[in-house]
C-alpha atoms as a PDB file:
ATOM      1  CA  MET A   1       0.119  18.479   7.662  1.00  0.00           C
ATOM      2  CA  LYS A   2       2.957  18.140   5.137  1.00  0.00           C
ATOM      3  CA  PHE A   3       6.463  17.957   6.539  1.00  0.00           C
ATOM      4  CA  ALA A   4       9.288  19.826   4.844  1.00  0.00           C
ATOM      5  CA  VAL A   5      11.634  17.038   3.771  1.00  0.00           C
ATOM      6  CA  THR A   6      12.742  18.064   0.290  1.00  0.00           C
ATOM      7  CA  LYS A   7      16.175  19.334   1.263  1.00  0.00           C
ATOM      8  CA  GLU A   8      16.887  16.351   3.495  1.00  0.00           C
ATOM      9  CA  GLY A   9      15.537  13.931   0.923  1.00  0.00           C
ATOM     10  CA  GLU A  10      17.852  15.299  -1.752  1.00  0.00           C
ATOM     11  CA  ARG A  11      20.805  15.020   0.623  1.00  0.00           C
ATOM     12  CA  LEU A  12      19.966  11.401   1.389  1.00  0.00           C
ATOM     13  CA  LYS A  13      19.914  10.514  -2.297  1.00  0.00           C
ATOM     14  CA  LYS A  14      23.524  11.635  -2.539  1.00  0.00           C
ATOM     15  CA  GLU A  15      24.701   9.914   0.631  1.00  0.00           C
ATOM     16  CA  LYS A  16      25.938   6.364   0.187  1.00  0.00           C
ATOM     17  CA  ASN A  17      25.107   3.920   2.947  1.00  0.00           C
ATOM     18  CA  ILE A  18      27.656   1.330   4.059  1.00  0.00           C
ATOM     19  CA  ALA A  19      25.621  -1.520   2.575  1.00  0.00           C
ATOM     20  CA  MET A  20      25.933  -5.231   3.301  1.00  0.00           C
ATOM     21  CA  SER A  21      27.377  -7.243   0.412  1.00  0.00           C
ATOM     22  CA  ALA A  22      29.034 -10.553  -0.305  1.00  0.00           C
ATOM     23  CA  GLU A  23      32.407  -8.953  -1.038  1.00  0.00           C
ATOM     24  CA  ILE A  24      32.884  -7.346   2.379  1.00  0.00           C
ATOM     25  CA  THR A  25      34.965  -9.271   4.878  1.00  0.00           C
ATOM     26  CA  VAL A  26      35.008  -7.573   8.256  1.00  0.00           C
ATOM     27  CA  ASP A  27      38.085  -7.987  10.402  1.00  0.00           C
ATOM     28  CA  SER A  28      37.516  -9.000  14.025  1.00  0.00           C
ATOM     29  CA  GLY A  29      39.336  -5.821  15.020  1.00  0.00           C
ATOM     30  CA  VAL A  30      36.485  -3.770  13.545  1.00  0.00           C
ATOM     31  CA  ILE A  31      33.994  -5.702  15.667  1.00  0.00           C
ATOM     32  CA  LYS A  32      36.099  -5.025  18.749  1.00  0.00           C
ATOM     33  CA  ALA A  33      36.322  -1.320  17.841  1.00  0.00           C
ATOM     34  CA  PHE A  34      32.541  -1.227  17.381  1.00  0.00           C
ATOM     35  CA  ARG A  35      31.937  -2.627  20.837  1.00  0.00           C
ATOM     36  CA  GLN A  36      34.383  -0.147  22.341  1.00  0.00           C
ATOM     37  CA  LYS A  37      32.783   2.758  20.465  1.00  0.00           C
ATOM     38  CA  LEU A  38      29.395   1.957  22.000  1.00  0.00           C
ATOM     39  CA  ILE A  39      30.969   1.862  25.448  1.00  0.00           C
ATOM     40  CA  ASP A  40      32.705   5.195  24.805  1.00  0.00           C
ATOM     41  CA  MET A  41      29.312   6.648  23.797  1.00  0.00           C
ATOM     42  CA  GLY A  42      27.954   5.668  27.208  1.00  0.00           C
ATOM     43  CA  ARG A  43      25.972   2.764  25.726  1.00  0.00           C
ATOM     44  CA  LYS A  44      27.420  -0.179  27.613  1.00  0.00           C
ATOM     45  CA  ASP A  45      23.813  -1.355  27.966  1.00  0.00           C
ATOM     46  CA  LEU A  46      23.520  -1.509  24.194  1.00  0.00           C
ATOM     47  CA  GLU A  47      26.924  -3.165  23.793  1.00  0.00           C
ATOM     48  CA  ALA A  48      25.718  -5.894  26.155  1.00  0.00           C
ATOM     49  CA  LYS A  49      22.870  -6.710  23.725  1.00  0.00           C
ATOM     50  CA  LEU A  50      25.276  -7.618  20.902  1.00  0.00           C
ATOM     51  CA  ARG A  51      25.497 -11.277  19.877  1.00  0.00           C
ATOM     52  CA  GLU A  52      28.214 -12.695  17.637  1.00  0.00           C
ATOM     53  CA  ASP A  53      27.732 -15.513  15.099  1.00  0.00           C
ATOM     54  CA  GLU A  54      23.970 -15.383  15.497  1.00  0.00           C
ATOM     55  CA  PRO A  55      22.284 -18.123  13.364  1.00  0.00           C
ATOM     56  CA  MET A  56      20.028 -16.244  10.951  1.00  0.00           C
ATOM     57  CA  LYS A  57      17.926 -19.286  10.070  1.00  0.00           C
ATOM     58  CA  ALA A  58      16.261 -18.672  13.434  1.00  0.00           C
ATOM     59  CA  HIS A  59      15.151 -15.222  12.276  1.00  0.00           C
ATOM     60  CA  THR A  60      13.731 -15.858   8.792  1.00  0.00           C
ATOM     61  CA  SER A  61      10.440 -17.462   7.793  1.00  0.00           C
ATOM     62  CA  PHE A  62      12.251 -19.644   5.223  1.00  0.00           C
ATOM     63  CA  ARG A  63      14.350 -21.119   8.062  1.00  0.00           C
ATOM     64  CA  VAL A  64      17.601 -20.822   6.079  1.00  0.00           C
ATOM     65  CA  GLY A  65      20.694 -18.691   6.499  1.00  0.00           C
ATOM     66  CA  GLY A  66      24.154 -18.797   8.012  1.00  0.00           C
ATOM     67  CA  PRO A  67      25.442 -16.707  10.933  1.00  0.00           C
ATOM     68  CA  ALA A  68      25.486 -12.932  11.249  1.00  0.00           C
ATOM     69  CA  GLN A  69      28.930 -11.736  12.275  1.00  0.00           C
ATOM     70  CA  ILE A  70      27.353  -9.489  14.901  1.00  0.00           C
ATOM     71  CA  TYR A  71      23.654  -9.042  15.705  1.00  0.00           C
ATOM     72  CA  CYS A  72      21.465  -6.771  17.819  1.00  0.00           C
ATOM     73  CA  GLU A  73      17.763  -6.270  18.587  1.00  0.00           C
ATOM     74  CA  PRO A  74      17.222  -2.640  19.694  1.00  0.00           C
ATOM     75  CA  SER A  75      14.208  -1.686  21.794  1.00  0.00           C
ATOM     76  CA  GLU A  76      13.754   1.972  20.813  1.00  0.00           C
ATOM     77  CA  THR A  77      14.628   4.427  18.047  1.00  0.00           C
ATOM     78  CA  GLY A  78      17.499   6.001  19.997  1.00  0.00           C
ATOM     79  CA  GLU A  79      19.246   2.632  20.090  1.00  0.00           C
ATOM     80  CA  ILE A  80      18.983   2.302  16.302  1.00  0.00           C
ATOM     81  CA  ILE A  81      20.553   5.736  15.915  1.00  0.00           C
ATOM     82  CA  ASP A  82      23.413   4.868  18.288  1.00  0.00           C
ATOM     83  CA  LEU A  83      24.074   1.523  16.575  1.00  0.00           C
ATOM     84  CA  ILE A  84      24.320   3.239  13.194  1.00  0.00           C
ATOM     85  CA  SER A  85      26.475   6.047  14.561  1.00  0.00           C
ATOM     86  CA  ALA A  86      28.936   3.617  16.163  1.00  0.00           C
ATOM     87  CA  SER A  87      29.051   1.350  13.097  1.00  0.00           C
ATOM     88  CA  LYS A  88      29.763   4.236  10.735  1.00  0.00           C
ATOM     89  CA  ALA A  89      32.454   5.577  13.071  1.00  0.00           C
ATOM     90  CA  VAL A  90      34.466   2.347  12.782  1.00  0.00           C
ATOM     91  CA  GLY A  91      33.532   1.409   9.197  1.00  0.00           C
ATOM     92  CA  LEU A  92      31.322  -1.527  10.110  1.00  0.00           C
ATOM     93  CA  PRO A  93      28.678  -2.396   7.452  1.00  0.00           C
ATOM     94  CA  PHE A  94      25.137  -2.802   8.734  1.00  0.00           C
ATOM     95  CA  PHE A  95      21.891  -4.302   7.515  1.00  0.00           C
ATOM     96  CA  LEU A  96      18.454  -3.774   9.003  1.00  0.00           C
ATOM     97  CA  MET A  97      15.715  -6.399   8.965  1.00  0.00           C
ATOM     98  CA  GLY A  98      12.284  -6.935  10.431  1.00  0.00           C
ATOM     99  CA  ASN A  99      10.591 -10.286  10.940  1.00  0.00           C
ATOM    100  CA  GLY A 100      12.624 -11.927   8.158  1.00  0.00           C
ATOM    101  CA  SER A 101       9.500 -12.970   6.272  1.00  0.00           C
ATOM    102  CA  ASN A 102      10.693 -11.544   2.946  1.00  0.00           C
ATOM    103  CA  LEU A 103      14.358 -12.583   3.048  1.00  0.00           C
ATOM    104  CA  VAL A 104      16.596 -15.403   1.953  1.00  0.00           C
ATOM    105  CA  ILE A 105      19.944 -15.092   3.750  1.00  0.00           C
ATOM    106  CA  SER A 106      22.869 -16.960   2.226  1.00  0.00           C
ATOM    107  CA  ASP A 107      24.157 -20.184   3.720  1.00  0.00           C
ATOM    108  CA  GLU A 108      27.515 -18.477   4.320  1.00  0.00           C
ATOM    109  CA  GLY A 109      25.852 -15.841   6.493  1.00  0.00           C
ATOM    110  CA  MET A 110      26.332 -12.077   6.675  1.00  0.00           C
ATOM    111  CA  ASP A 111      29.312  -9.862   7.384  1.00  0.00           C
ATOM    112  CA  GLY A 112      29.025  -6.870   9.676  1.00  0.00           C
ATOM    113  CA  LEU A 113      26.139  -5.840  11.903  1.00  0.00           C
ATOM    114  CA  VAL A 114      22.576  -7.096  11.502  1.00  0.00           C
ATOM    115  CA  ILE A 115      20.019  -4.908  13.278  1.00  0.00           C
ATOM    116  CA  ARG A 116      16.746  -6.745  13.743  1.00  0.00           C
ATOM    117  CA  LEU A 117      13.583  -4.914  14.720  1.00  0.00           C
ATOM    118  CA  GLY A 118      11.638  -7.605  16.535  1.00  0.00           C
ATOM    119  CA  GLU A 119       9.436  -8.111  19.576  1.00  0.00           C
ATOM    120  CA  SER A 120      11.487  -5.733  21.716  1.00  0.00           C
ATOM    121  CA  PHE A 121      10.606  -2.943  19.262  1.00  0.00           C
ATOM    122  CA  SER A 122       6.854  -3.480  18.965  1.00  0.00           C
ATOM    123  CA  ASP A 123       4.800  -0.893  20.835  1.00  0.00           C
ATOM    124  CA  ILE A 124       1.236   0.024  19.804  1.00  0.00           C
ATOM    125  CA  ARG A 125      -1.012   2.817  21.036  1.00  0.00           C
ATOM    126  CA  SER A 126      -4.122   4.547  19.698  1.00  0.00           C
ATOM    127  CA  GLU A 127      -5.416   8.093  19.838  1.00  0.00           C
ATOM    128  CA  ASP A 128      -8.849   9.478  18.973  1.00  0.00           C
ATOM    129  CA  VAL A 129      -9.160  12.335  16.492  1.00  0.00           C
ATOM    130  CA  PRO A 130     -11.241  15.054  18.240  1.00  0.00           C
ATOM    131  CA  THR A 131     -12.437  16.581  14.956  1.00  0.00           C
ATOM    132  CA  ASP A 132     -13.532  13.231  13.507  1.00  0.00           C
ATOM    133  CA  PRO A 133     -15.068  10.713  15.928  1.00  0.00           C
ATOM    134  CA  ASP A 134     -15.024   7.985  13.264  1.00  0.00           C
ATOM    135  CA  THR A 135     -11.247   8.205  12.796  1.00  0.00           C
ATOM    136  CA  VAL A 136      -8.520   6.827  15.070  1.00  0.00           C
ATOM    137  CA  ARG A 137      -4.755   7.202  14.766  1.00  0.00           C
ATOM    138  CA  ILE A 138      -2.577   4.199  15.561  1.00  0.00           C
ATOM    139  CA  TYR A 139       1.073   4.706  16.523  1.00  0.00           C
ATOM    140  CA  ALA A 140       3.311   1.631  16.294  1.00  0.00           C
ATOM    141  CA  THR A 141       7.013   0.855  16.165  1.00  0.00           C
ATOM    142  CA  ALA A 142       8.505  -0.985  13.208  1.00  0.00           C
ATOM    143  CA  GLY A 143       9.043  -4.358  14.871  1.00  0.00           C
ATOM    144  CA  THR A 144       5.319  -4.846  15.469  1.00  0.00           C
ATOM    145  CA  LEU A 145       3.977  -7.875  13.627  1.00  0.00           C
ATOM    146  CA  LEU A 146       1.221  -7.115  11.119  1.00  0.00           C
ATOM    147  CA  THR A 147      -0.849  -9.950  12.538  1.00  0.00           C
ATOM    148  CA  ARG A 148      -0.691  -8.371  16.006  1.00  0.00           C
ATOM    149  CA  LEU A 149      -1.469  -4.897  14.633  1.00  0.00           C
ATOM    150  CA  SER A 150      -4.443  -6.200  12.663  1.00  0.00           C
ATOM    151  CA  SER A 151      -5.733  -8.015  15.760  1.00  0.00           C
ATOM    152  CA  PHE A 152      -5.328  -4.849  17.858  1.00  0.00           C
ATOM    153  CA  ALA A 153      -7.360  -2.881  15.300  1.00  0.00           C
ATOM    154  CA  SER A 154     -10.042  -5.540  15.003  1.00  0.00           C
ATOM    155  CA  LYS A 155     -10.587  -5.754  18.752  1.00  0.00           C
ATOM    156  CA  ALA A 156     -10.898  -1.967  18.881  1.00  0.00           C
ATOM    157  CA  GLY A 157     -13.517  -1.967  16.099  1.00  0.00           C
ATOM    158  CA  LEU A 158     -11.162  -0.260  13.627  1.00  0.00           C
ATOM    159  CA  SER A 159     -11.229  -1.066   9.920  1.00  0.00           C
ATOM    160  CA  GLY A 160      -8.454  -0.827   7.359  1.00  0.00           C
ATOM    161  CA  LEU A 161      -6.031  -3.600   8.300  1.00  0.00           C
ATOM    162  CA  GLU A 162      -8.180  -6.661   7.686  1.00  0.00           C
ATOM    163  CA  PHE A 163      -6.081  -7.552   4.616  1.00  0.00           C
ATOM    164  CA  ALA A 164      -2.963  -7.714   6.815  1.00  0.00           C
ATOM    165  CA  SER A 165      -4.389 -10.275   9.245  1.00  0.00           C
ATOM    166  CA  GLY A 166      -2.459 -13.159   7.679  1.00  0.00           C
ATOM    167  CA  ILE A 167       0.698 -11.399   6.475  1.00  0.00           C
ATOM    168  CA  PRO A 168       3.573 -12.706   8.627  1.00  0.00           C
ATOM    169  CA  GLY A 169       5.876  -9.684   8.312  1.00  0.00           C
ATOM    170  CA  SER A 170       6.652  -6.741  10.555  1.00  0.00           C
ATOM    171  CA  LEU A 171       5.213  -3.246  10.192  1.00  0.00           C
ATOM    172  CA  GLY A 172       8.551  -1.753   9.143  1.00  0.00           C
ATOM    173  CA  GLY A 173       9.053  -4.339   6.413  1.00  0.00           C
ATOM    174  CA  ALA A 174       5.459  -3.892   5.270  1.00  0.00           C
ATOM    175  CA  VAL A 175       5.958  -0.141   4.852  1.00  0.00           C
ATOM    176  CA  PHE A 176       9.333  -0.683   3.147  1.00  0.00           C
ATOM    177  CA  MET A 177       7.779  -2.828   0.403  1.00  0.00           C
ATOM    178  CA  ASN A 178       4.188  -1.537   0.602  1.00  0.00           C
ATOM    179  CA  ALA A 179       2.949  -5.019   1.465  1.00  0.00           C
ATOM    180  CA  GLY A 180      -0.566  -5.938   0.521  1.00  0.00           C
ATOM    181  CA  ALA A 181      -3.128  -8.611  -0.237  1.00  0.00           C
ATOM    182  CA  TYR A 182      -6.609  -8.913  -1.709  1.00  0.00           C
ATOM    183  CA  ASP A 183      -6.393  -5.595  -3.597  1.00  0.00           C
ATOM    184  CA  HIS A 184      -5.368  -3.595  -0.508  1.00  0.00           C
ATOM    185  CA  ASP A 185      -1.950  -2.425   0.695  1.00  0.00           C
ATOM    186  CA  MET A 186      -0.181  -0.330   3.337  1.00  0.00           C
ATOM    187  CA  SER A 187      -0.385   2.902   1.324  1.00  0.00           C
ATOM    188  CA  GLU A 188      -4.119   3.047   2.166  1.00  0.00           C
ATOM    189  CA  VAL A 189      -3.553   3.350   5.922  1.00  0.00           C
ATOM    190  CA  VAL A 190      -0.065   4.817   6.500  1.00  0.00           C
ATOM    191  CA  ASP A 191      -0.144   8.549   7.204  1.00  0.00           C
ATOM    192  CA  LYS A 192       3.345   9.321   8.566  1.00  0.00           C
ATOM    193  CA  VAL A 193       6.645   7.527   9.071  1.00  0.00           C
ATOM    194  CA  VAL A 194       9.604   8.318  11.295  1.00  0.00           C
ATOM    195  CA  SER A 195      12.785   6.937   9.760  1.00  0.00           C
ATOM    196  CA  VAL A 196      16.456   6.901  10.635  1.00  0.00           C
ATOM    197  CA  SER A 197      18.725   8.055   7.807  1.00  0.00           C
ATOM    198  CA  PRO A 198      21.947   6.245   6.819  1.00  0.00           C
ATOM    199  CA  SER A 199      23.824   8.893   8.812  1.00  0.00           C
ATOM    200  CA  GLY A 200      21.735   8.238  11.925  1.00  0.00           C
ATOM    201  CA  GLU A 201      19.363  11.221  11.706  1.00  0.00           C
ATOM    202  CA  ARG A 202      15.684  11.016  12.672  1.00  0.00           C
ATOM    203  CA  ILE A 203      13.360  12.193   9.856  1.00  0.00           C
ATOM    204  CA  THR A 204       9.559  12.420   9.674  1.00  0.00           C
ATOM    205  CA  TRP A 205       7.821  11.813   6.348  1.00  0.00           C
ATOM    206  CA  SER A 206       4.191  12.525   5.520  1.00  0.00           C
ATOM    207  CA  GLY A 207       2.144  10.042   3.517  1.00  0.00           C
ATOM    208  CA  GLU A 208       2.504  11.835   0.185  1.00  0.00           C
ATOM    209  CA  ASP A 209       6.296  11.824   0.552  1.00  0.00           C
ATOM    210  CA  LEU A 210       6.529   8.040   0.883  1.00  0.00           C
ATOM    211  CA  GLN A 211       6.304   7.387  -2.883  1.00  0.00           C
ATOM    212  CA  PHE A 212       4.266   4.228  -2.500  1.00  0.00           C
ATOM    213  CA  GLY A 213       3.798   2.036  -5.552  1.00  0.00           C
ATOM    214  CA  TYR A 214       3.230  -1.645  -6.244  1.00  0.00           C
ATOM    215  CA  ARG A 215       5.482  -3.374  -3.684  1.00  0.00           C
ATOM    216  CA  LYS A 216       7.709  -0.350  -3.276  1.00  0.00           C
ATOM    217  CA  SER A 217       8.267   2.834  -1.286  1.00  0.00           C
ATOM    218  CA  ARG A 218      10.878   5.586  -1.113  1.00  0.00           C
ATOM    219  CA  PHE A 219      12.851   3.560   1.440  1.00  0.00           C
ATOM    220  CA  MET A 220      13.977   1.163  -1.279  1.00  0.00           C
ATOM    221  CA  THR A 221      16.041   3.985  -2.815  1.00  0.00           C
ATOM    222  CA  ASP A 222      16.653   6.418   0.071  1.00  0.00           C
ATOM    223  CA  GLU A 223      17.983   3.610   2.268  1.00  0.00           C
ATOM    224  CA  GLY A 224      16.336   5.098   5.333  1.00  0.00           C
ATOM    225  CA  ILE A 225      15.250   2.769   8.148  1.00  0.00           C
ATOM    226  CA  VAL A 226      11.551   2.736   9.039  1.00  0.00           C
ATOM    227  CA  ALA A 227      11.357   3.139  12.827  1.00  0.00           C
ATOM    228  CA  GLU A 228       7.889   4.405  13.757  1.00  0.00           C
ATOM    229  CA  VAL A 229       4.614   4.479  11.820  1.00  0.00           C
ATOM    230  CA  GLU A 230       1.388   6.433  12.207  1.00  0.00           C
ATOM    231  CA  LEU A 231      -1.699   4.869  10.633  1.00  0.00           C
ATOM    232  CA  VAL A 232      -5.219   6.193  10.141  1.00  0.00           C
ATOM    233  CA  LEU A 233      -8.083   3.733  10.634  1.00  0.00           C
ATOM    234  CA  HIS A 234     -11.850   4.155  10.787  1.00  0.00           C
ATOM    235  CA  ARG A 235     -14.475   2.826  13.152  1.00  0.00           C
ATOM    236  CA  ASP A 236     -16.683   0.044  11.835  1.00  0.00           C
ATOM    237  CA  ASP A 237     -18.972  -2.709  13.067  1.00  0.00           C
ATOM    238  CA  PRO A 238     -16.681  -5.230  14.877  1.00  0.00           C
ATOM    239  CA  GLN A 239     -18.705  -8.132  13.478  1.00  0.00           C
ATOM    240  CA  GLU A 240     -18.196  -6.856   9.930  1.00  0.00           C
ATOM    241  CA  ILE A 241     -14.455  -6.519  10.553  1.00  0.00           C
ATOM    242  CA  SER A 242     -14.261 -10.040  11.987  1.00  0.00           C
ATOM    243  CA  SER A 243     -16.239 -11.380   9.039  1.00  0.00           C
ATOM    244  CA  ARG A 244     -13.800  -9.860   6.534  1.00  0.00           C
ATOM    245  CA  ILE A 245     -10.806 -11.258   8.440  1.00  0.00           C
ATOM    246  CA  LYS A 246     -12.447 -14.690   8.544  1.00  0.00           C
ATOM    247  CA  THR A 247     -13.012 -14.590   4.776  1.00  0.00           C
ATOM    248  CA  TYR A 248      -9.370 -13.651   4.097  1.00  0.00           C
ATOM    249  CA  THR A 249      -8.133 -16.328   6.504  1.00  0.00           C
ATOM    250  CA  GLU A 250     -10.215 -19.021   4.803  1.00  0.00           C
ATOM    251  CA  LYS A 251      -8.892 -17.953   1.385  1.00  0.00           C
ATOM    252  CA  ARG A 252      -5.285 -18.118   2.607  1.00  0.00           C
ATOM    253  CA  THR A 253      -5.728 -21.484   4.284  1.00  0.00           C
ATOM    254  CA  LYS A 254      -7.370 -22.951   1.197  1.00  0.00           C
ATOM    255  CA  SER A 255      -4.915 -21.604  -1.377  1.00  0.00           C
ATOM    256  CA  GLN A 256      -1.519 -21.214   0.333  1.00  0.00           C
ATOM    257  CA  PRO A 257       0.999 -23.786   1.691  1.00  0.00           C
ATOM    258  CA  LEU A 258       0.982 -22.352   5.207  1.00  0.00           C
ATOM    259  CA  GLN A 259       2.305 -25.570   6.771  1.00  0.00           C
ATOM    260  CA  PHE A 260       5.741 -25.132   5.141  1.00  0.00           C
ATOM    261  CA  PRO A 261       8.447 -22.496   5.737  1.00  0.00           C
ATOM    262  CA  SER A 262       8.412 -19.932   2.923  1.00  0.00           C
ATOM    263  CA  ALA A 263       8.477 -16.214   2.272  1.00  0.00           C
ATOM    264  CA  GLY A 264       5.033 -15.989   0.714  1.00  0.00           C
ATOM    265  CA  SER A 265       4.786 -15.008  -2.941  1.00  0.00           C
ATOM    266  CA  MET A 266       8.249 -15.333  -4.456  1.00  0.00           C
ATOM    267  CA  PHE A 267       7.668 -12.996  -7.417  1.00  0.00           C
ATOM    268  CA  LYS A 268       6.016  -9.685  -8.114  1.00  0.00           C
ATOM    269  CA  ARG A 269       2.974  -9.964 -10.357  1.00  0.00           C
ATOM    270  CA  PRO A 270       3.956  -9.109 -13.958  1.00  0.00           C
ATOM    271  CA  THR A 271       1.560  -6.762 -15.741  1.00  0.00           C
ATOM    272  CA  GLY A 272      -1.218  -8.691 -17.426  1.00  0.00           C
ATOM    273  CA  TYR A 273      -0.365 -12.073 -15.900  1.00  0.00           C
ATOM    274  CA  TYR A 274      -0.786 -14.168 -12.768  1.00  0.00           C
ATOM    275  CA  THR A 275       2.561 -15.553 -11.641  1.00  0.00           C
ATOM    276  CA  GLY A 276       1.233 -18.796 -10.202  1.00  0.00           C
ATOM    277  CA  ALA A 277      -0.685 -19.547 -13.397  1.00  0.00           C
ATOM    278  CA  LEU A 278       2.393 -18.942 -15.574  1.00  0.00           C
ATOM    279  CA  ILE A 279       4.528 -21.259 -13.435  1.00  0.00           C
ATOM    280  CA  GLU A 280       1.848 -23.951 -13.469  1.00  0.00           C
ATOM    281  CA  GLN A 281       1.381 -23.649 -17.244  1.00  0.00           C
ATOM    282  CA  ALA A 282       5.135 -24.069 -17.654  1.00  0.00           C
ATOM    283  CA  GLY A 283       4.868 -27.446 -15.902  1.00  0.00           C
ATOM    284  CA  LEU A 284       6.958 -26.377 -12.928  1.00  0.00           C
ATOM    285  CA  LYS A 285       4.484 -27.091 -10.154  1.00  0.00           C
ATOM    286  CA  GLY A 286       6.127 -29.509  -7.714  1.00  0.00           C
ATOM    287  CA  THR A 287       9.601 -29.010  -9.221  1.00  0.00           C
ATOM    288  CA  SER A 288      12.361 -29.332  -6.618  1.00  0.00           C
ATOM    289  CA  VAL A 289      16.001 -28.389  -6.195  1.00  0.00           C
ATOM    290  CA  GLY A 290      17.346 -30.003  -3.051  1.00  0.00           C
ATOM    291  CA  GLY A 291      14.910 -29.185  -0.255  1.00  0.00           C
ATOM    292  CA  ALA A 292      13.327 -26.253  -2.121  1.00  0.00           C
ATOM    293  CA  GLN A 293      10.121 -26.901  -4.038  1.00  0.00           C
ATOM    294  CA  VAL A 294       7.543 -25.079  -6.128  1.00  0.00           C
ATOM    295  CA  SER A 295       4.455 -25.561  -3.987  1.00  0.00           C
ATOM    296  CA  GLU A 296       1.908 -28.112  -5.213  1.00  0.00           C
ATOM    297  CA  LYS A 297      -0.794 -25.992  -3.590  1.00  0.00           C
ATOM    298  CA  HIS A 298       0.156 -22.586  -5.033  1.00  0.00           C
ATOM    299  CA  ALA A 299       2.787 -22.393  -7.771  1.00  0.00           C
ATOM    300  CA  GLY A 300       3.617 -18.788  -6.857  1.00  0.00           C
ATOM    301  CA  PHE A 301       5.158 -20.048  -3.609  1.00  0.00           C
ATOM    302  CA  VAL A 302       8.575 -21.648  -3.176  1.00  0.00           C
ATOM    303  CA  ILE A 303       8.680 -23.703   0.022  1.00  0.00           C
ATOM    304  CA  ASN A 304      11.254 -25.330   2.260  1.00  0.00           C
ATOM    305  CA  THR A 305      10.238 -28.985   2.501  1.00  0.00           C
ATOM    306  CA  GLY A 306      12.491 -29.481   5.499  1.00  0.00           C
ATOM    307  CA  ASN A 307      16.158 -29.337   4.588  1.00  0.00           C
ATOM    308  CA  ALA A 308      16.445 -26.599   1.958  1.00  0.00           C
ATOM    309  CA  THR A 309      19.470 -24.348   1.762  1.00  0.00           C
ATOM    310  CA  ALA A 310      19.553 -20.767   0.514  1.00  0.00           C
ATOM    311  CA  HIS A 311      21.470 -22.094  -2.503  1.00  0.00           C
ATOM    312  CA  ASP A 312      18.638 -24.567  -3.242  1.00  0.00           C
ATOM    313  CA  ILE A 313      16.069 -21.770  -3.138  1.00  0.00           C
ATOM    314  CA  ASP A 314      18.144 -19.427  -5.322  1.00  0.00           C
ATOM    315  CA  SER A 315      18.808 -22.194  -7.877  1.00  0.00           C
ATOM    316  CA  LEU A 316      15.104 -23.084  -8.080  1.00  0.00           C
ATOM    317  CA  VAL A 317      14.098 -19.451  -8.474  1.00  0.00           C
ATOM    318  CA  ARG A 318      16.636 -18.995 -11.290  1.00  0.00           C
ATOM    319  CA  LEU A 319      15.217 -22.081 -13.015  1.00  0.00           C
ATOM    320  CA  ILE A 320      11.691 -20.661 -12.758  1.00  0.00           C
ATOM    321  CA  GLN A 321      12.763 -17.267 -14.132  1.00  0.00           C
ATOM    322  CA  LYS A 322      14.673 -18.851 -17.028  1.00  0.00           C
ATOM    323  CA  THR A 323      11.805 -21.184 -17.946  1.00  0.00           C
ATOM    324  CA  ILE A 324       9.105 -18.491 -17.840  1.00  0.00           C
ATOM    325  CA  LYS A 325      11.262 -16.174 -19.942  1.00  0.00           C
ATOM    326  CA  GLU A 326      11.846 -18.896 -22.559  1.00  0.00           C
ATOM    327  CA  LYS A 327       8.245 -20.128 -22.716  1.00  0.00           C
ATOM    328  CA  PHE A 328       6.281 -16.877 -22.410  1.00  0.00           C
ATOM    329  CA  GLY A 329       8.774 -14.032 -22.854  1.00  0.00           C
ATOM    330  CA  VAL A 330       7.873 -12.749 -19.398  1.00  0.00           C
ATOM    331  CA  GLU A 331      10.503 -11.476 -16.935  1.00  0.00           C
ATOM    332  CA  LEU A 332       9.673 -12.508 -13.378  1.00  0.00           C
ATOM    333  CA  GLU A 333      11.080 -10.143 -10.764  1.00  0.00           C
ATOM    334  CA  ARG A 334      11.737 -11.459  -7.276  1.00  0.00           C
ATOM    335  CA  GLU A 335       9.625 -10.020  -4.496  1.00  0.00           C
ATOM    336  CA  VAL A 336      11.734 -11.796  -1.882  1.00  0.00           C
ATOM    337  CA  ARG A 337      15.176 -10.315  -1.152  1.00  0.00           C
ATOM    338  CA  PHE A 338      18.298 -12.517  -1.388  1.00  0.00           C
ATOM    339  CA  ILE A 339      21.212 -11.161   0.646  1.00  0.00           C
ATOM    340  CA  GLY A 340      24.474 -12.087   2.369  1.00  0.00           C
ATOM    341  CA  ARG A 341      27.774 -13.754   1.540  1.00  0.00           C
ATOM    342  CA  GLY A 342      27.711 -15.815  -1.630  1.00  0.00           C
ATOM    343  CA  PHE A 343      25.287 -13.507  -3.429  1.00  0.00           C
ATOM    344  CA  SER A 344      27.383 -11.055  -5.458  1.00  0.00           C
ATOM    345  CA  SER A 345      24.727  -8.385  -4.886  1.00  0.00           C
ATOM    346  CA  GLU A 346      21.050  -8.316  -3.983  1.00  0.00           C
ATOM    347  CA  VAL A 347      19.573 -10.651  -6.599  1.00  0.00           C
ATOM    348  CA  LYS A 348      16.663  -9.379  -8.730  1.00  0.00           C
END
């Protein structure tokens, strides 16, 4: 079934979200007004979930980042809608994140509201398809970890998410960037998405409307928030599924620096090249800036050796990009997002 979203989609393209940026400085009075707005909306329960000066290094896989001015972890889609509605009413900027496995948050932190879809927003359920006994639909909320979703599918004898068994991100973030590994990605299994628009409206998108591409989806331009996802998986021999997961796990363990904090592959793969090979050929393997280092195990990874700052990571990434451009004429584009105070805009 194809959902009619053309009119709404066009409207969203014209609507500007109140985006998080380094230039915004939010007055404490706006925070107070935001809290009061939630109470006036009858959401005192939601207002009670707000935390101020939340250390973001606790919520990113790189283990860096200063405090969020105000922070909340909603537990259902209605709470996301109410948070956005209240923030827009008082002019409070907001930023939505998942598991923080694809983010570097600045050392100075983030102004405004950070909405994190985490464990409290991670429901999973399955439903058989009466007309096709070999197909099962999985319904999951955006905070669900991919590792947990892949495990759920494997135990149920459902194939299609084996590639995601070692990806540390959340389902919402995976849909947002069309995460993938080993020649598979989310576009192969996602059938529908329920998102929340920048104005707080609930919208359902069918698979063909999601505009999936290499590490991208429509949500990178429409600025909608992925809230709920429907996936289509197929029954398979549980032993075969487990065998594939084991193979992928062994490959990851052998080739990736899993013992260090990182955000996985730092760069998108440039056409015709392998990023890790380019970085290694440029003699950058093991190069460090402060506590940030190009992994000795896999040059496509930048790792936190223990005391890295967001500035260290950004400086090292800039050095890599500059060197690869000079030596090979290749532009490396960041796959990891750099956000917050101190970054003039989201760095590419």
